[in-house]
Amino acid sequence: MEVGGTIYDCADAPAATLPDGNVLVQASPGTYEEPSHFWEFSISKTGTVTATQVNDPKEAPNDPSYFGNLLLLPTGQVLWDDSQDPTPEVSVYTPQGKAKKKWEPVVSSVSTTLTVGSTGNAISGTNFNGWDLGGTYGDDSQEATNWPIVKITTPARAMSATATAMTSRPWACGQPARPMPRSMFRAPARLVQARFRLSSTASRPRPSPSL
């Protein structure tokens, strides 16, 4: 990609798919050269690719692209770090786009009562694994987030439950041709007896409609 007469590439570099379908990319000029800059890439319905430059973290001027990592968070934000920099930084990128409705996970089956600390609680639905891996890199790092997080909200607090025993790890499984994954989760020991709201989240910005 050429910007202002400078060619930027991604010779070992991170990228993350955002909830609106854009892709956040870190790139730098040449191979393993600094500085780094960041862009959101979007693809129109006609196939036109647009690169929009976004704000850089503080250490970006000192970093080649291979220093960075991008991890998609359940909030829809992206966590960035440059762990290979002598003065490492951790920053959070907040995208401005609107999440795609069809990407949201949907809980279709789960018990309406839970026992505190219980295990093997079955849950099933669609899009539990997000629409893709979430984040990726070259060959030095893996930032996949294609698994579900079960969130339980009571009037007093919100907490996450450990999900295990996924029957499958497909992407975009809300499509009719994709299987509906099932999983198990552990009800947190901190869960108190109360009415609760249960939802699932993956590589997307907000909890799913819940039971």
N, C-alpha and C. Protein backbone atom coordinates (compact mmCIF):
# COMPACT_ATOMS: atom_id res chain seq x y z
N MET A 1 0.84 -1.18 0.00
CA MET A 1 0.00 0.00 0.00
C MET A 1 0.89 1.25 0.00
N GLU A 2 0.61 2.19 -0.89
CA GLU A 2 1.41 3.41 -0.98
C GLU A 2 0.65 4.59 -0.38
N VAL A 3 1.28 5.28 0.56
CA VAL A 3 0.69 6.44 1.21
C VAL A 3 1.71 7.58 1.20
N GLY A 4 1.38 8.68 0.55
CA GLY A 4 2.28 9.83 0.51
C GLY A 4 3.64 9.50 -0.05
N GLY A 5 3.71 8.61 -1.03
CA GLY A 5 4.97 8.22 -1.65
C GLY A 5 5.72 7.16 -0.90
N THR A 6 5.22 6.70 0.26
CA THR A 6 5.86 5.65 1.05
C THR A 6 5.07 4.36 0.91
N ILE A 7 5.77 3.27 0.67
CA ILE A 7 5.11 1.97 0.55
C ILE A 7 5.13 1.27 1.91
N TYR A 8 3.94 0.94 2.40
CA TYR A 8 3.79 0.24 3.67
C TYR A 8 3.43 -1.22 3.40
N ASP A 9 4.03 -2.12 4.20
CA ASP A 9 3.69 -3.53 4.05
C ASP A 9 3.47 -4.15 5.43
N CYS A 10 3.14 -5.41 5.42
CA CYS A 10 2.86 -6.16 6.66
C CYS A 10 3.75 -7.40 6.68
N ALA A 11 5.04 -7.18 6.87
CA ALA A 11 5.99 -8.30 6.95
C ALA A 11 5.98 -8.81 8.39
N ASP A 12 5.15 -9.81 8.66
CA ASP A 12 4.84 -10.23 10.03
C ASP A 12 4.16 -9.08 10.74
N ALA A 13 2.86 -9.04 10.72
CA ALA A 13 2.13 -7.93 11.29
C ALA A 13 0.75 -8.40 11.73
N PRO A 14 0.15 -7.71 12.71
CA PRO A 14 -1.15 -8.13 13.22
C PRO A 14 -2.32 -7.48 12.47
N ALA A 15 -3.46 -8.16 12.54
CA ALA A 15 -4.70 -7.62 12.00
C ALA A 15 -5.85 -8.19 12.82
N ALA A 16 -6.96 -7.47 12.88
CA ALA A 16 -8.13 -7.93 13.61
C ALA A 16 -9.39 -7.50 12.89
N THR A 17 -10.36 -8.43 12.80
CA THR A 17 -11.65 -8.11 12.20
C THR A 17 -12.51 -7.40 13.23
N LEU A 18 -13.03 -6.23 12.87
CA LEU A 18 -13.86 -5.44 13.77
C LEU A 18 -15.33 -5.85 13.65
N PRO A 19 -16.15 -5.54 14.66
CA PRO A 19 -17.56 -5.97 14.62
C PRO A 19 -18.35 -5.45 13.44
N ASP A 20 -17.91 -4.34 12.82
CA ASP A 20 -18.64 -3.83 11.65
C ASP A 20 -18.15 -4.43 10.34
N GLY A 21 -17.17 -5.34 10.42
CA GLY A 21 -16.66 -5.99 9.22
C GLY A 21 -15.38 -5.40 8.68
N ASN A 22 -15.00 -4.21 9.15
CA ASN A 22 -13.71 -3.65 8.75
C ASN A 22 -12.57 -4.44 9.39
N VAL A 23 -11.37 -4.28 8.85
CA VAL A 23 -10.20 -4.97 9.38
C VAL A 23 -9.16 -3.93 9.81
N LEU A 24 -8.76 -3.99 11.07
CA LEU A 24 -7.73 -3.09 11.60
C LEU A 24 -6.36 -3.72 11.35
N VAL A 25 -5.45 -2.97 10.74
CA VAL A 25 -4.15 -3.49 10.33
C VAL A 25 -3.04 -2.55 10.80
N GLN A 26 -1.95 -3.12 11.27
CA GLN A 26 -0.73 -2.36 11.56
C GLN A 26 0.26 -2.61 10.42
N ALA A 27 0.82 -1.55 9.87
CA ALA A 27 1.77 -1.69 8.76
C ALA A 27 2.92 -0.71 8.96
N SER A 28 4.05 -1.01 8.31
CA SER A 28 5.23 -0.13 8.39
C SER A 28 5.97 -0.19 7.06
N PRO A 29 6.84 0.79 6.79
CA PRO A 29 7.52 0.84 5.49
C PRO A 29 8.62 -0.21 5.38
N GLY A 30 8.64 -0.92 4.26
CA GLY A 30 9.70 -1.91 4.06
C GLY A 30 9.56 -3.09 4.99
N THR A 31 10.60 -3.89 5.04
CA THR A 31 10.60 -5.09 5.88
C THR A 31 11.27 -4.79 7.21
N TYR A 32 10.47 -4.89 8.29
CA TYR A 32 10.95 -4.69 9.66
C TYR A 32 11.49 -3.28 9.90
N GLU A 33 10.88 -2.30 9.25
CA GLU A 33 11.29 -0.91 9.43
C GLU A 33 10.22 -0.15 10.22
N GLU A 34 10.64 0.92 10.86
CA GLU A 34 9.71 1.80 11.57
C GLU A 34 9.52 3.08 10.76
N PRO A 35 8.49 3.86 11.00
CA PRO A 35 7.47 3.75 12.05
C PRO A 35 6.28 2.91 11.60
N SER A 36 5.42 2.58 12.54
CA SER A 36 4.16 1.90 12.23
C SER A 36 3.02 2.90 12.15
N HIS A 37 2.05 2.57 11.31
CA HIS A 37 0.78 3.29 11.29
C HIS A 37 -0.34 2.26 11.23
N PHE A 38 -1.56 2.72 11.47
CA PHE A 38 -2.71 1.82 11.55
C PHE A 38 -3.82 2.28 10.61
N TRP A 39 -4.47 1.31 9.98
CA TRP A 39 -5.57 1.58 9.06
C TRP A 39 -6.73 0.65 9.32
N GLU A 40 -7.93 1.14 9.02
CA GLU A 40 -9.10 0.28 8.92
C GLU A 40 -9.37 0.06 7.43
N PHE A 41 -9.40 -1.20 7.02
CA PHE A 41 -9.73 -1.55 5.65
C PHE A 41 -11.20 -1.97 5.59
N SER A 42 -11.90 -1.45 4.60
CA SER A 42 -13.28 -1.84 4.36
C SER A 42 -13.45 -2.26 2.91
N ILE A 43 -14.41 -3.14 2.67
CA ILE A 43 -14.70 -3.62 1.32
C ILE A 43 -16.17 -3.35 1.03
N SER A 44 -16.44 -2.59 -0.02
CA SER A 44 -17.82 -2.26 -0.37
C SER A 44 -18.50 -3.46 -1.02
N LYS A 45 -19.80 -3.34 -1.23
CA LYS A 45 -20.55 -4.41 -1.88
C LYS A 45 -20.09 -4.65 -3.30
N THR A 46 -19.47 -3.62 -3.91
CA THR A 46 -18.97 -3.78 -5.27
C THR A 46 -17.51 -4.26 -5.30
N GLY A 47 -16.93 -4.48 -4.13
CA GLY A 47 -15.57 -4.99 -4.07
C GLY A 47 -14.49 -3.92 -3.97
N THR A 48 -14.88 -2.67 -3.80
CA THR A 48 -13.90 -1.58 -3.67
C THR A 48 -13.31 -1.59 -2.27
N VAL A 49 -11.97 -1.60 -2.21
CA VAL A 49 -11.27 -1.61 -0.93
C VAL A 49 -10.86 -0.19 -0.56
N THR A 50 -11.20 0.23 0.66
CA THR A 50 -10.85 1.56 1.15
C THR A 50 -10.03 1.43 2.42
N ALA A 51 -8.91 2.15 2.49
CA ALA A 51 -8.06 2.16 3.68
C ALA A 51 -8.17 3.52 4.35
N THR A 52 -8.61 3.53 5.61
CA THR A 52 -8.76 4.77 6.38
C THR A 52 -7.75 4.76 7.52
N GLN A 53 -6.82 5.72 7.51
CA GLN A 53 -5.82 5.77 8.57
C GLN A 53 -6.47 6.24 9.88
N VAL A 54 -6.09 5.57 10.98
CA VAL A 54 -6.64 5.90 12.29
C VAL A 54 -5.50 6.31 13.22
N ASN A 55 -5.82 6.67 14.44
CA ASN A 55 -4.81 7.15 15.39
C ASN A 55 -3.79 6.07 15.73
N ASP A 56 -2.55 6.50 15.95
CA ASP A 56 -1.48 5.59 16.33
C ASP A 56 -1.28 5.59 17.85
N PRO A 57 -0.86 4.47 18.42
CA PRO A 57 -0.44 4.47 19.82
C PRO A 57 0.84 5.30 19.99
N LYS A 58 1.18 5.61 21.22
CA LYS A 58 2.31 6.47 21.51
C LYS A 58 3.63 5.92 20.98
N GLU A 59 3.81 4.60 21.07
CA GLU A 59 5.09 3.99 20.69
C GLU A 59 5.18 3.65 19.20
N ALA A 60 4.12 3.89 18.44
CA ALA A 60 4.12 3.51 17.02
C ALA A 60 5.29 4.08 16.22
N PRO A 61 5.74 5.32 16.48
CA PRO A 61 6.88 5.83 15.70
C PRO A 61 8.16 5.02 15.89
N ASN A 62 8.25 4.27 16.99
CA ASN A 62 9.45 3.50 17.27
C ASN A 62 9.32 2.02 16.92
N ASP A 63 8.18 1.63 16.37
CA ASP A 63 7.89 0.21 16.17
C ASP A 63 7.76 -0.16 14.70
N PRO A 64 8.45 -1.20 14.24
CA PRO A 64 8.07 -1.83 12.98
C PRO A 64 6.81 -2.64 13.22
N SER A 65 6.12 -3.01 12.18
CA SER A 65 4.82 -3.66 12.35
C SER A 65 4.92 -5.00 13.07
N TYR A 66 6.06 -5.67 12.98
CA TYR A 66 6.14 -7.00 13.60
C TYR A 66 6.20 -6.94 15.12
N PHE A 67 6.37 -5.74 15.70
CA PHE A 67 6.36 -5.60 17.15
C PHE A 67 4.95 -5.76 17.73
N GLY A 68 3.93 -5.54 16.92
CA GLY A 68 2.57 -5.42 17.45
C GLY A 68 1.78 -6.71 17.53
N ASN A 69 0.77 -6.68 18.38
CA ASN A 69 -0.24 -7.74 18.49
C ASN A 69 -1.60 -7.08 18.64
N LEU A 70 -2.62 -7.66 18.05
CA LEU A 70 -3.98 -7.14 18.14
C LEU A 70 -4.91 -8.25 18.62
N LEU A 71 -5.56 -8.03 19.75
CA LEU A 71 -6.47 -9.02 20.33
C LEU A 71 -7.86 -8.41 20.43
N LEU A 72 -8.84 -9.03 19.75
CA LEU A 72 -10.21 -8.55 19.78
C LEU A 72 -10.85 -8.90 21.13
N LEU A 73 -11.45 -7.90 21.78
CA LEU A 73 -12.05 -8.09 23.10
C LEU A 73 -13.56 -8.31 22.99
N PRO A 74 -14.18 -8.90 24.01
CA PRO A 74 -15.64 -9.12 23.96
C PRO A 74 -16.43 -7.83 23.83
N THR A 75 -15.85 -6.70 24.19
CA THR A 75 -16.53 -5.40 24.07
C THR A 75 -16.58 -4.90 22.64
N GLY A 76 -15.83 -5.54 21.73
CA GLY A 76 -15.70 -5.04 20.36
C GLY A 76 -14.50 -4.15 20.19
N GLN A 77 -13.82 -3.79 21.28
CA GLN A 77 -12.58 -3.03 21.21
C GLN A 77 -11.42 -3.97 20.88
N VAL A 78 -10.26 -3.39 20.58
CA VAL A 78 -9.08 -4.19 20.23
C VAL A 78 -7.93 -3.80 21.16
N LEU A 79 -7.34 -4.80 21.79
CA LEU A 79 -6.19 -4.58 22.65
C LEU A 79 -4.92 -4.70 21.82
N TRP A 80 -4.05 -3.67 21.88
CA TRP A 80 -2.79 -3.68 21.14
C TRP A 80 -1.63 -3.62 22.13
N ASP A 81 -0.58 -4.39 21.84
CA ASP A 81 0.66 -4.23 22.59
C ASP A 81 1.83 -4.38 21.64
N ASP A 82 3.00 -3.88 22.08
CA ASP A 82 4.23 -4.04 21.30
C ASP A 82 5.27 -4.70 22.21
N SER A 83 5.01 -5.95 22.56
CA SER A 83 5.79 -6.64 23.58
C SER A 83 7.27 -6.79 23.22
N GLN A 84 7.62 -6.62 21.95
CA GLN A 84 9.03 -6.75 21.56
C GLN A 84 9.78 -5.42 21.64
N ASP A 85 9.07 -4.34 21.98
CA ASP A 85 9.69 -3.03 22.14
C ASP A 85 10.40 -2.95 23.50
N PRO A 86 11.59 -2.36 23.58
CA PRO A 86 12.26 -2.20 24.88
C PRO A 86 11.42 -1.42 25.89
N THR A 87 10.53 -0.54 25.39
CA THR A 87 9.60 0.19 26.27
C THR A 87 8.17 -0.16 25.84
N PRO A 88 7.69 -1.33 26.20
CA PRO A 88 6.40 -1.81 25.70
C PRO A 88 5.22 -0.95 26.15
N GLU A 89 4.22 -0.94 25.31
CA GLU A 89 3.00 -0.18 25.56
C GLU A 89 1.80 -1.08 25.36
N VAL A 90 0.74 -0.83 26.10
CA VAL A 90 -0.54 -1.50 25.92
C VAL A 90 -1.59 -0.42 25.68
N SER A 91 -2.33 -0.53 24.59
CA SER A 91 -3.37 0.45 24.26
C SER A 91 -4.64 -0.26 23.82
N VAL A 92 -5.74 0.45 23.89
CA VAL A 92 -7.03 -0.09 23.46
C VAL A 92 -7.59 0.78 22.34
N TYR A 93 -7.98 0.13 21.24
CA TYR A 93 -8.58 0.83 20.10
C TYR A 93 -10.09 0.62 20.15
N THR A 94 -10.83 1.71 20.05
CA THR A 94 -12.29 1.65 20.06
C THR A 94 -12.83 2.01 18.69
N PRO A 95 -13.32 1.04 17.92
CA PRO A 95 -13.83 1.35 16.59
C PRO A 95 -15.13 2.14 16.67
N GLN A 96 -15.41 2.89 15.60
CA GLN A 96 -16.59 3.74 15.57
C GLN A 96 -17.75 3.11 14.82
N GLY A 97 -17.49 2.02 14.08
CA GLY A 97 -18.54 1.42 13.26
C GLY A 97 -19.59 0.69 14.07
N LYS A 98 -20.73 0.43 13.46
CA LYS A 98 -21.85 -0.27 14.08
C LYS A 98 -21.72 -1.76 13.82
N ALA A 99 -21.92 -2.56 14.87
CA ALA A 99 -21.79 -4.02 14.75
C ALA A 99 -22.83 -4.59 13.79
N LYS A 100 -22.42 -5.62 13.07
CA LYS A 100 -23.34 -6.30 12.16
C LYS A 100 -24.31 -7.17 12.95
N LYS A 101 -25.58 -6.94 12.76
CA LYS A 101 -26.61 -7.67 13.50
C LYS A 101 -26.52 -9.18 13.25
N LYS A 102 -26.26 -9.57 12.00
CA LYS A 102 -26.27 -11.00 11.68
C LYS A 102 -25.07 -11.73 12.27
N TRP A 103 -24.08 -11.00 12.79
CA TRP A 103 -22.93 -11.63 13.41
C TRP A 103 -23.17 -11.96 14.87
N GLU A 104 -24.24 -11.44 15.46
CA GLU A 104 -24.44 -11.61 16.89
C GLU A 104 -24.78 -13.06 17.25
N PRO A 105 -24.18 -13.58 18.33
CA PRO A 105 -24.57 -14.92 18.78
C PRO A 105 -25.97 -14.91 19.37
N VAL A 106 -26.67 -16.02 19.24
CA VAL A 106 -28.02 -16.15 19.77
C VAL A 106 -28.09 -17.42 20.61
N VAL A 107 -28.51 -17.30 21.85
CA VAL A 107 -28.71 -18.46 22.72
C VAL A 107 -30.08 -19.04 22.42
N SER A 108 -30.12 -20.32 22.02
CA SER A 108 -31.40 -20.94 21.70
C SER A 108 -31.85 -21.93 22.77
N SER A 109 -30.90 -22.45 23.56
CA SER A 109 -31.26 -23.45 24.56
C SER A 109 -30.30 -23.39 25.73
N VAL A 110 -30.84 -23.22 26.95
CA VAL A 110 -30.07 -23.26 28.18
C VAL A 110 -31.06 -23.41 29.33
N SER A 111 -30.64 -24.03 30.41
CA SER A 111 -31.53 -24.20 31.55
C SER A 111 -31.93 -22.85 32.14
N THR A 112 -33.16 -22.75 32.61
CA THR A 112 -33.63 -21.51 33.22
C THR A 112 -33.25 -21.42 34.69
N THR A 113 -32.70 -22.49 35.26
CA THR A 113 -32.20 -22.46 36.63
C THR A 113 -30.78 -23.02 36.66
N LEU A 114 -29.93 -22.44 37.52
CA LEU A 114 -28.55 -22.87 37.66
C LEU A 114 -28.23 -23.07 39.13
N THR A 115 -27.37 -24.06 39.40
CA THR A 115 -26.89 -24.31 40.76
C THR A 115 -25.51 -23.70 40.91
N VAL A 116 -25.31 -22.97 41.99
CA VAL A 116 -24.02 -22.32 42.22
C VAL A 116 -22.89 -23.33 42.17
N GLY A 117 -21.86 -23.06 41.36
CA GLY A 117 -20.70 -23.93 41.25
C GLY A 117 -20.91 -25.17 40.41
N SER A 118 -22.09 -25.33 39.80
CA SER A 118 -22.36 -26.53 39.02
C SER A 118 -21.58 -26.55 37.72
N THR A 119 -21.30 -27.75 37.22
CA THR A 119 -20.58 -27.91 35.96
C THR A 119 -21.47 -28.65 34.96
N GLY A 120 -21.05 -28.66 33.71
CA GLY A 120 -21.79 -29.41 32.70
C GLY A 120 -23.13 -28.82 32.34
N ASN A 121 -23.29 -27.51 32.54
CA ASN A 121 -24.53 -26.86 32.14
C ASN A 121 -24.54 -26.68 30.63
N ALA A 122 -25.49 -27.29 29.96
CA ALA A 122 -25.52 -27.27 28.49
C ALA A 122 -26.06 -25.95 27.98
N ILE A 123 -25.47 -25.47 26.89
CA ILE A 123 -25.95 -24.27 26.21
C ILE A 123 -25.73 -24.46 24.72
N SER A 124 -26.68 -24.03 23.91
CA SER A 124 -26.53 -24.15 22.46
C SER A 124 -27.11 -22.92 21.80
N GLY A 125 -26.75 -22.72 20.55
CA GLY A 125 -27.21 -21.56 19.81
C GLY A 125 -26.44 -21.39 18.53
N THR A 126 -26.43 -20.19 18.00
CA THR A 126 -25.73 -19.91 16.75
C THR A 126 -24.73 -18.77 16.93
N ASN A 127 -23.73 -18.77 16.07
CA ASN A 127 -22.68 -17.74 16.06
C ASN A 127 -21.89 -17.67 17.37
N PHE A 128 -21.80 -18.77 18.09
CA PHE A 128 -21.05 -18.79 19.35
C PHE A 128 -19.58 -18.48 19.13
N ASN A 129 -19.06 -18.78 17.96
CA ASN A 129 -17.63 -18.64 17.71
C ASN A 129 -17.28 -17.38 16.92
N GLY A 130 -18.22 -16.44 16.86
CA GLY A 130 -17.95 -15.25 16.09
C GLY A 130 -18.04 -15.52 14.59
N TRP A 131 -17.62 -14.53 13.80
CA TRP A 131 -17.72 -14.65 12.35
C TRP A 131 -16.40 -15.05 11.71
N ASP A 132 -15.32 -14.94 12.47
CA ASP A 132 -14.03 -15.45 12.00
C ASP A 132 -13.14 -15.62 13.23
N LEU A 133 -11.85 -15.76 13.05
CA LEU A 133 -10.94 -15.97 14.18
C LEU A 133 -10.84 -14.76 15.10
N GLY A 134 -11.16 -13.59 14.60
CA GLY A 134 -11.05 -12.37 15.39
C GLY A 134 -9.76 -11.63 15.08
N GLY A 135 -8.63 -12.17 15.51
CA GLY A 135 -7.33 -11.56 15.26
C GLY A 135 -6.35 -12.57 14.70
N THR A 136 -5.33 -12.08 14.02
CA THR A 136 -4.33 -12.97 13.45
C THR A 136 -3.00 -12.24 13.32
N TYR A 137 -1.95 -13.00 13.06
CA TYR A 137 -0.61 -12.47 12.92
C TYR A 137 0.08 -13.32 11.86
N GLY A 138 1.40 -13.16 11.73
CA GLY A 138 2.15 -14.02 10.82
C GLY A 138 2.36 -15.39 11.45
N ASP A 139 3.61 -15.71 11.77
CA ASP A 139 3.91 -17.03 12.33
C ASP A 139 4.37 -16.97 13.78
N ASP A 140 4.36 -15.80 14.41
CA ASP A 140 4.93 -15.67 15.75
C ASP A 140 3.90 -15.55 16.85
N SER A 141 2.65 -15.37 16.52
CA SER A 141 1.65 -15.10 17.55
C SER A 141 0.28 -15.52 17.05
N GLN A 142 -0.59 -15.91 17.97
CA GLN A 142 -1.95 -16.29 17.61
C GLN A 142 -2.91 -15.55 18.53
N GLU A 143 -3.89 -14.86 17.97
CA GLU A 143 -4.84 -14.09 18.76
C GLU A 143 -6.29 -14.49 18.49
N ALA A 144 -6.52 -15.77 18.15
CA ALA A 144 -7.87 -16.22 17.84
C ALA A 144 -8.78 -16.09 19.06
N THR A 145 -10.01 -15.66 18.84
CA THR A 145 -11.01 -15.57 19.90
C THR A 145 -12.32 -16.22 19.46
N ASN A 146 -12.22 -17.29 18.67
CA ASN A 146 -13.43 -17.94 18.15
C ASN A 146 -13.94 -19.01 19.12
N TRP A 147 -14.30 -18.55 20.32
CA TRP A 147 -14.96 -19.42 21.29
C TRP A 147 -15.92 -18.57 22.11
N PRO A 148 -16.92 -19.19 22.73
CA PRO A 148 -17.93 -18.40 23.44
C PRO A 148 -17.51 -18.03 24.86
N ILE A 149 -18.01 -16.91 25.33
CA ILE A 149 -17.93 -16.51 26.73
C ILE A 149 -19.37 -16.39 27.24
N VAL A 150 -19.68 -17.14 28.27
CA VAL A 150 -21.02 -17.09 28.84
C VAL A 150 -21.03 -16.03 29.94
N LYS A 151 -21.90 -15.05 29.83
CA LYS A 151 -21.99 -13.96 30.80
C LYS A 151 -23.29 -14.08 31.59
N ILE A 152 -23.18 -14.04 32.90
CA ILE A 152 -24.34 -14.13 33.79
C ILE A 152 -24.44 -12.82 34.56
N THR A 153 -25.58 -12.18 34.46
CA THR A 153 -25.79 -10.88 35.11
C THR A 153 -26.92 -10.99 36.12
N THR A 154 -26.63 -10.63 37.36
CA THR A 154 -27.64 -10.56 38.41
C THR A 154 -27.82 -9.08 38.78
N PRO A 155 -28.82 -8.76 39.63
CA PRO A 155 -28.96 -7.36 40.03
C PRO A 155 -27.73 -6.80 40.72
N ALA A 156 -26.91 -7.68 41.31
CA ALA A 156 -25.76 -7.21 42.10
C ALA A 156 -24.47 -7.16 41.30
N ARG A 157 -24.30 -8.04 40.32
CA ARG A 157 -23.02 -8.10 39.62
C ARG A 157 -23.15 -8.82 38.29
N ALA A 158 -22.10 -8.70 37.47
CA ALA A 158 -21.99 -9.45 36.22
C ALA A 158 -20.73 -10.29 36.30
N MET A 159 -20.78 -11.51 35.80
CA MET A 159 -19.62 -12.39 35.87
C MET A 159 -19.62 -13.30 34.65
N SER A 160 -18.45 -13.85 34.36
CA SER A 160 -18.30 -14.76 33.23
C SER A 160 -18.18 -16.20 33.72
N ALA A 161 -18.69 -17.12 32.93
CA ALA A 161 -18.62 -18.54 33.23
C ALA A 161 -17.70 -19.22 32.24
N THR A 162 -16.94 -20.20 32.70
CA THR A 162 -16.01 -20.93 31.84
C THR A 162 -16.77 -21.88 30.92
N ALA A 163 -16.60 -21.70 29.61
CA ALA A 163 -17.24 -22.58 28.63
C ALA A 163 -16.26 -23.65 28.18
N THR A 164 -16.71 -24.88 28.08
CA THR A 164 -15.85 -26.01 27.70
C THR A 164 -16.63 -26.93 26.77
N ALA A 165 -15.92 -27.96 26.28
CA ALA A 165 -16.53 -29.07 25.54
C ALA A 165 -17.34 -28.61 24.33
N MET A 166 -16.76 -27.69 23.56
CA MET A 166 -17.43 -27.28 22.33
C MET A 166 -17.55 -28.45 21.37
N THR A 167 -18.73 -28.66 20.81
CA THR A 167 -18.90 -29.74 19.85
C THR A 167 -18.26 -29.41 18.51
N SER A 168 -18.09 -28.12 18.24
CA SER A 168 -17.45 -27.70 16.99
C SER A 168 -16.98 -26.28 17.17
N ARG A 169 -16.08 -25.84 16.27
CA ARG A 169 -15.57 -24.48 16.32
C ARG A 169 -15.75 -23.78 14.97
N PRO A 170 -16.94 -23.89 14.37
CA PRO A 170 -17.12 -23.25 13.06
C PRO A 170 -17.28 -21.75 13.20
N TRP A 171 -17.01 -21.03 12.11
CA TRP A 171 -17.27 -19.60 12.05
C TRP A 171 -18.59 -19.40 11.33
N ALA A 172 -19.20 -18.26 11.54
CA ALA A 172 -20.40 -17.86 10.81
C ALA A 172 -21.47 -18.94 10.86
N CYS A 173 -21.62 -19.59 12.02
CA CYS A 173 -22.54 -20.73 12.08
C CYS A 173 -23.99 -20.33 12.21
N GLY A 174 -24.30 -19.04 12.05
CA GLY A 174 -25.69 -18.63 11.98
C GLY A 174 -26.29 -18.91 10.62
N GLN A 175 -25.43 -19.21 9.66
CA GLN A 175 -25.93 -19.52 8.33
C GLN A 175 -26.60 -20.90 8.35
N PRO A 176 -27.67 -21.08 7.58
CA PRO A 176 -28.41 -22.35 7.61
C PRO A 176 -27.54 -23.56 7.34
N ALA A 177 -26.50 -23.42 6.53
CA ALA A 177 -25.67 -24.57 6.17
C ALA A 177 -24.68 -24.95 7.28
N ARG A 178 -24.53 -24.09 8.29
CA ARG A 178 -23.56 -24.36 9.34
C ARG A 178 -24.22 -25.06 10.53
N PRO A 179 -23.51 -26.00 11.19
CA PRO A 179 -24.09 -26.70 12.33
C PRO A 179 -24.24 -25.78 13.53
N MET A 180 -25.18 -26.10 14.41
CA MET A 180 -25.38 -25.34 15.63
C MET A 180 -24.48 -25.91 16.72
N PRO A 181 -23.51 -25.16 17.20
CA PRO A 181 -22.60 -25.69 18.20
C PRO A 181 -23.26 -25.80 19.57
N ARG A 182 -22.78 -26.75 20.37
CA ARG A 182 -23.21 -26.89 21.74
C ARG A 182 -21.98 -26.82 22.63
N SER A 183 -22.17 -26.40 23.85
CA SER A 183 -21.07 -26.25 24.78
C SER A 183 -21.57 -26.53 26.18
N MET A 184 -20.64 -26.62 27.13
CA MET A 184 -20.95 -26.74 28.54
C MET A 184 -20.31 -25.56 29.26
N PHE A 185 -20.88 -25.16 30.40
CA PHE A 185 -20.24 -24.10 31.17
C PHE A 185 -20.40 -24.36 32.66
N ARG A 186 -19.50 -23.77 33.43
CA ARG A 186 -19.52 -23.89 34.88
C ARG A 186 -20.17 -22.63 35.47
N ALA A 187 -21.15 -22.82 36.34
CA ALA A 187 -21.77 -21.69 37.02
C ALA A 187 -20.82 -21.18 38.09
N PRO A 188 -20.47 -19.91 38.07
CA PRO A 188 -19.47 -19.40 39.02
C PRO A 188 -19.84 -19.64 40.47
N ALA A 189 -18.84 -19.95 41.29
CA ALA A 189 -19.06 -20.16 42.72
C ALA A 189 -19.53 -18.88 43.40
N ARG A 190 -19.23 -17.71 42.79
CA ARG A 190 -19.64 -16.43 43.36
C ARG A 190 -21.10 -16.10 43.05
N LEU A 191 -21.74 -16.96 42.24
CA LEU A 191 -23.13 -16.71 41.87
C LEU A 191 -24.04 -16.86 43.09
N VAL A 192 -24.84 -15.86 43.37
CA VAL A 192 -25.75 -15.91 44.51
C VAL A 192 -27.15 -16.25 44.01
N GLN A 193 -28.00 -16.71 44.93
CA GLN A 193 -29.35 -17.06 44.54
C GLN A 193 -30.11 -15.79 44.18
N ALA A 194 -30.47 -15.68 42.92
CA ALA A 194 -31.15 -14.48 42.44
C ALA A 194 -31.62 -14.73 41.02
N ARG A 195 -32.50 -13.86 40.55
CA ARG A 195 -32.86 -13.91 39.14
C ARG A 195 -31.65 -13.44 38.34
N PHE A 196 -31.43 -14.03 37.16
CA PHE A 196 -30.26 -13.66 36.38
C PHE A 196 -30.59 -13.56 34.91
N ARG A 197 -29.71 -12.88 34.20
CA ARG A 197 -29.78 -12.77 32.74
C ARG A 197 -28.54 -13.44 32.18
N LEU A 198 -28.71 -14.36 31.26
CA LEU A 198 -27.58 -15.09 30.69
C LEU A 198 -27.45 -14.73 29.22
N SER A 199 -26.21 -14.49 28.79
CA SER A 199 -25.97 -14.17 27.38
C SER A 199 -24.64 -14.77 26.97
N SER A 200 -24.39 -14.78 25.68
CA SER A 200 -23.14 -15.30 25.15
C SER A 200 -22.49 -14.23 24.29
N THR A 201 -21.18 -14.19 24.30
CA THR A 201 -20.46 -13.25 23.47
C THR A 201 -19.27 -13.95 22.85
N ALA A 202 -18.82 -13.44 21.70
CA ALA A 202 -17.64 -13.99 21.02
C ALA A 202 -16.89 -12.81 20.44
N SER A 203 -16.52 -12.87 19.17
CA SER A 203 -15.80 -11.76 18.54
C SER A 203 -16.80 -10.71 18.06
N ARG A 204 -17.37 -9.97 19.00
CA ARG A 204 -18.44 -9.03 18.71
C ARG A 204 -18.59 -8.07 19.87
N PRO A 205 -19.42 -7.01 19.75
CA PRO A 205 -19.33 -5.93 20.70
C PRO A 205 -20.28 -5.93 21.88
N ARG A 206 -21.34 -6.71 21.86
CA ARG A 206 -22.27 -6.63 22.98
C ARG A 206 -22.93 -7.99 23.19
N PRO A 207 -23.50 -8.26 24.38
CA PRO A 207 -24.10 -9.56 24.65
C PRO A 207 -25.23 -9.88 23.70
N SER A 208 -25.44 -11.17 23.51
CA SER A 208 -26.51 -11.61 22.64
C SER A 208 -27.85 -11.47 23.32
N PRO A 209 -28.94 -11.52 22.54
CA PRO A 209 -30.25 -11.66 23.17
C PRO A 209 -30.23 -12.89 24.06
N SER A 210 -30.81 -12.82 25.23
CA SER A 210 -30.66 -13.89 26.20
C SER A 210 -31.97 -14.56 26.51
N LEU A 211 -31.87 -15.68 27.19
CA LEU A 211 -33.05 -16.39 27.66
C LEU A 211 -33.35 -15.97 29.08
